[in-house]
C-alpha atoms as a PDB file:
ATOM      1  CA  MET A   1      -0.203   0.222  -0.152  1.00  0.00           C
ATOM      2  CA  THR A   2       1.803   2.680  -0.919  1.00  0.00           C
ATOM      3  CA  ASN A   3      -0.466   5.431  -2.632  1.00  0.00           C
ATOM      4  CA  SER A   4      -2.499   7.654  -0.777  1.00  0.00           C
ATOM      5  CA  ASP A   5      -5.817   5.917  -2.943  1.00  0.00           C
ATOM      6  CA  SER A   6      -4.453   2.345  -1.902  1.00  0.00           C
ATOM      7  CA  ARG A   7      -4.451   3.651   1.610  1.00  0.00           C
ATOM      8  CA  LEU A   8      -8.049   5.439   1.521  1.00  0.00           C
ATOM      9  CA  PRO A   9     -10.006   2.642   3.107  1.00  0.00           C
ATOM     10  CA  VAL A  10      -7.151   2.158   5.757  1.00  0.00           C
ATOM     11  CA  GLN A  11      -7.930   6.053   6.600  1.00  0.00           C
ATOM     12  CA  THR A  12     -11.679   5.316   6.978  1.00  0.00           C
ATOM     13  CA  ALA A  13     -11.151   2.928   9.132  1.00  0.00           C
ATOM     14  CA  ALA A  14      -8.738   5.095  11.323  1.00  0.00           C
ATOM     15  CA  GLN A  15     -11.039   8.225  11.088  1.00  0.00           C
ATOM     16  CA  ALA A  16     -13.807   5.604  11.914  1.00  0.00           C
ATOM     17  CA  ALA A  17     -12.249   4.339  15.447  1.00  0.00           C
ATOM     18  CA  PHE A  18     -10.602   7.944  16.128  1.00  0.00           C
ATOM     19  CA  GLU A  19     -14.186   9.518  15.746  1.00  0.00           C
ATOM     20  CA  LYS A  20     -15.339   6.672  18.583  1.00  0.00           C
ATOM     21  CA  LYS A  21     -12.402   7.393  20.871  1.00  0.00           C
ATOM     22  CA  ALA A  22      -9.942   4.959  20.260  1.00  0.00           C
ATOM     23  CA  PHE A  23      -6.414   6.292  20.730  1.00  0.00           C
ATOM     24  CA  GLN A  24      -2.783   5.159  20.301  1.00  0.00           C
ATOM     25  CA  ILE A  25      -4.029   4.233  16.506  1.00  0.00           C
ATOM     26  CA  VAL A  26      -1.262   3.369  14.086  1.00  0.00           C
ATOM     27  CA  ALA A  27      -0.784   1.491  11.001  1.00  0.00           C
ATOM     28  CA  PHE A  28       2.128  -1.079   9.690  1.00  0.00           C
ATOM     29  CA  GLU A  29       3.274  -1.152   5.839  1.00  0.00           C
ATOM     30  CA  VAL A  30       3.460  -4.987   6.211  1.00  0.00           C
ATOM     31  CA  SER A  31       3.268  -6.106   2.870  1.00  0.00           C
ATOM     32  CA  SER A  32       6.825  -6.467   2.607  1.00  0.00           C
ATOM     33  CA  LEU A  33       7.062  -8.831   5.064  1.00  0.00           C
ATOM     34  CA  THR A  34       4.075 -10.901   5.438  1.00  0.00           C
ATOM     35  CA  SER A  35       2.203 -12.047   2.119  1.00  0.00           C
ATOM     36  CA  TYR A  36      -1.701 -12.219   4.351  1.00  0.00           C
ATOM     37  CA  THR A  37      -1.945  -8.508   3.749  1.00  0.00           C
ATOM     38  CA  ASP A  38      -0.676  -4.985   2.690  1.00  0.00           C
ATOM     39  CA  THR A  39      -1.342  -3.213   5.975  1.00  0.00           C
ATOM     40  CA  LEU A  40      -2.098  -3.636   9.944  1.00  0.00           C
ATOM     41  CA  LEU A  41      -4.206  -0.638  11.541  1.00  0.00           C
ATOM     42  CA  ILE A  42      -3.821  -1.169  15.285  1.00  0.00           C
ATOM     43  CA  CYS A  43      -5.810   0.912  17.917  1.00  0.00           C
ATOM     44  CA  SER A  44      -6.443   0.739  21.647  1.00  0.00           C
ATOM     45  CA  ALA A  45      -9.797   1.020  23.550  1.00  0.00           C
ATOM     46  CA  ALA A  46     -10.918   1.825  27.379  1.00  0.00           C
ATOM     47  CA  SER A  47     -13.258  -1.683  27.511  1.00  0.00           C
ATOM     48  CA  ASP A  48     -14.574  -4.031  26.079  1.00  0.00           C
ATOM     49  CA  ARG A  49     -17.766  -2.335  25.230  1.00  0.00           C
ATOM     50  CA  GLN A  50     -15.831   0.220  23.588  1.00  0.00           C
ATOM     51  CA  VAL A  51     -13.686  -1.906  21.586  1.00  0.00           C
ATOM     52  CA  ALA A  52     -17.488  -3.727  20.407  1.00  0.00           C
ATOM     53  CA  ALA A  53     -18.335  -0.136  19.262  1.00  0.00           C
ATOM     54  CA  ILE A  54     -15.316   1.151  17.627  1.00  0.00           C
ATOM     55  CA  SER A  55     -15.274  -2.423  14.977  1.00  0.00           C
ATOM     56  CA  ASP A  56     -18.934  -2.001  14.879  1.00  0.00           C
ATOM     57  CA  TRP A  57     -17.962   1.727  13.654  1.00  0.00           C
ATOM     58  CA  ILE A  58     -15.503   0.568  11.414  1.00  0.00           C
ATOM     59  CA  GLN A  59     -17.582  -1.853   9.464  1.00  0.00           C
ATOM     60  CA  ARG A  60     -20.219   0.387   9.382  1.00  0.00           C
ATOM     61  CA  GLU A  61     -17.670   3.489   7.626  1.00  0.00           C
ATOM     62  CA  LEU A  62     -16.478   1.030   5.841  1.00  0.00           C
ATOM     63  CA  ARG A  63     -19.866  -0.773   4.650  1.00  0.00           C
ATOM     64  CA  ASP A  64     -20.809   2.719   2.982  1.00  0.00           C
ATOM     65  CA  THR A  65     -17.568   2.502   0.791  1.00  0.00           C
ATOM     66  CA  GLY A  66     -18.773  -0.794  -0.208  1.00  0.00           C
ATOM     67  CA  ARG A  67     -16.350  -2.493   2.029  1.00  0.00           C
ATOM     68  CA  ARG A  68     -16.930  -5.651   4.391  1.00  0.00           C
ATOM     69  CA  PRO A  69     -14.692  -7.561   5.526  1.00  0.00           C
ATOM     70  CA  LEU A  70     -13.952 -11.144   4.940  1.00  0.00           C
ATOM     71  CA  HIS A  71     -13.553 -12.384   8.237  1.00  0.00           C
ATOM     72  CA  VAL A  72     -14.127 -11.121  12.053  1.00  0.00           C
ATOM     73  CA  GLU A  73     -12.694 -12.653  15.326  1.00  0.00           C
ATOM     74  CA  GLY A  74     -13.236 -11.723  18.778  1.00  0.00           C
ATOM     75  CA  GLU A  75     -16.831 -10.720  19.570  1.00  0.00           C
ATOM     76  CA  LYS A  76     -17.853 -12.824  22.096  1.00  0.00           C
ATOM     77  CA  ARG A  77     -15.282 -11.303  23.536  1.00  0.00           C
ATOM     78  CA  ALA A  78     -14.569  -8.086  22.953  1.00  0.00           C
ATOM     79  CA  ASP A  79     -11.683  -7.540  24.243  1.00  0.00           C
ATOM     80  CA  TRP A  80      -9.619  -7.502  21.113  1.00  0.00           C
ATOM     81  CA  MET A  81     -11.251  -8.210  17.368  1.00  0.00           C
ATOM     82  CA  LEU A  82      -9.703  -8.418  14.689  1.00  0.00           C
ATOM     83  CA  LEU A  83     -11.414  -7.593  11.090  1.00  0.00           C
ATOM     84  CA  ASP A  84      -9.722  -8.270   7.989  1.00  0.00           C
ATOM     85  CA  TYR A  85      -9.980  -6.696   4.810  1.00  0.00           C
ATOM     86  CA  GLY A  86      -7.912  -8.528   2.489  1.00  0.00           C
ATOM     87  CA  ASP A  87      -5.297  -6.022   1.451  1.00  0.00           C
ATOM     88  CA  PHE A  88      -5.455  -4.774   5.743  1.00  0.00           C
ATOM     89  CA  VAL A  89      -6.518  -5.927   9.062  1.00  0.00           C
ATOM     90  CA  VAL A  90      -7.275  -4.040  11.651  1.00  0.00           C
ATOM     91  CA  HIS A  91      -6.684  -5.054  15.732  1.00  0.00           C
ATOM     92  CA  VAL A  92      -8.813  -3.509  18.167  1.00  0.00           C
ATOM     93  CA  PHE A  93      -7.917  -4.073  21.717  1.00  0.00           C
ATOM     94  CA  THR A  94      -8.132  -2.720  25.102  1.00  0.00           C
ATOM     95  CA  GLU A  95      -5.026  -1.388  26.452  1.00  0.00           C
ATOM     96  CA  GLU A  96      -4.489  -4.207  28.525  1.00  0.00           C
ATOM     97  CA  ARG A  97      -4.546  -7.361  25.492  1.00  0.00           C
ATOM     98  CA  ARG A  98      -2.301  -4.830  23.223  1.00  0.00           C
ATOM     99  CA  ALA A  99      -0.042  -5.200  25.489  1.00  0.00           C
ATOM    100  CA  TYR A 100      -0.056  -8.570  26.607  1.00  0.00           C
ATOM    101  CA  TYR A 101       0.134  -9.074  22.832  1.00  0.00           C
ATOM    102  CA  GLY A 102       2.706  -7.058  21.775  1.00  0.00           C
ATOM    103  CA  LEU A 103       2.283  -6.265  18.008  1.00  0.00           C
ATOM    104  CA  ASP A 104       3.654  -2.849  17.769  1.00  0.00           C
ATOM    105  CA  GLY A 105       6.605  -4.509  18.985  1.00  0.00           C
ATOM    106  CA  LEU A 106       6.322  -7.304  16.683  1.00  0.00           C
ATOM    107  CA  TRP A 107       5.874  -5.538  13.585  1.00  0.00           C
ATOM    108  CA  GLY A 108       8.427  -2.507  14.647  1.00  0.00           C
ATOM    109  CA  ASP A 109      10.420  -3.040  11.703  1.00  0.00           C
ATOM    110  CA  ALA A 110       7.669  -2.511   9.345  1.00  0.00           C
ATOM    111  CA  PRO A 111       6.827   0.944   7.947  1.00  0.00           C
ATOM    112  CA  LYS A 112       4.590   2.904  10.179  1.00  0.00           C
ATOM    113  CA  LEU A 113       2.094   5.062   9.434  1.00  0.00           C
ATOM    114  CA  GLY A 114       0.728   7.820  12.089  1.00  0.00           C
ATOM    115  CA  ALA A 115      -1.092   9.842  12.815  1.00  0.00           C
ATOM    116  CA  ASP A 116      -1.101  12.466  10.184  1.00  0.00           C
ATOM    117  CA  ALA A 117      -0.644   9.592   7.070  1.00  0.00           C
ATOM    118  CA  LEU A 118      -3.312   8.047   8.456  1.00  0.00           C
ATOM    119  CA  GLY A 119      -5.472  11.444   8.610  1.00  0.00           C
ATOM    120  CA  ILE A 120      -6.767  11.852  11.738  1.00  0.00           C
ATOM    121  CA  GLN A 121      -5.666  14.609  14.767  1.00  0.00           C
ATOM    122  CA  GLU A 122      -5.044  12.467  17.620  1.00  0.00           C
ATOM    123  CA  SER A 123      -3.405  14.515  20.169  1.00  0.00           C
ATOM    124  CA  PRO A 124       0.531  13.178  20.659  1.00  0.00           C
ATOM    125  CA  THR A 125       0.133  12.441  24.462  1.00  0.00           C
ATOM    126  CA  THR A 126      -2.896   9.657  23.910  1.00  0.00           C
END
């Protein structure tokens, strides 16, 4: 995912997450490191209920653009939800689960897209 047009669905998902008060929103371009997707979007939520609300809103906003997830995981527990859109995957975590799984560190060698590249105006302290 190198051009801005291919990044648009990821930006839409990031904006939707931001609108529902997700924080620590970051994306990693992993196309050169894995074959199953191009981009991972990772964000945090304050509670299980917020994880579910963020995931639902992302799906609604992307559905409005004609995108539907190929697969959704974690709906029952909602402390970590995964939305697989094929060319990108969204992970919505509670803070505890995000720290436990450490995906930010696992993909730390991948190019990182911060709030500016994702088109959101997240404050530096969140």
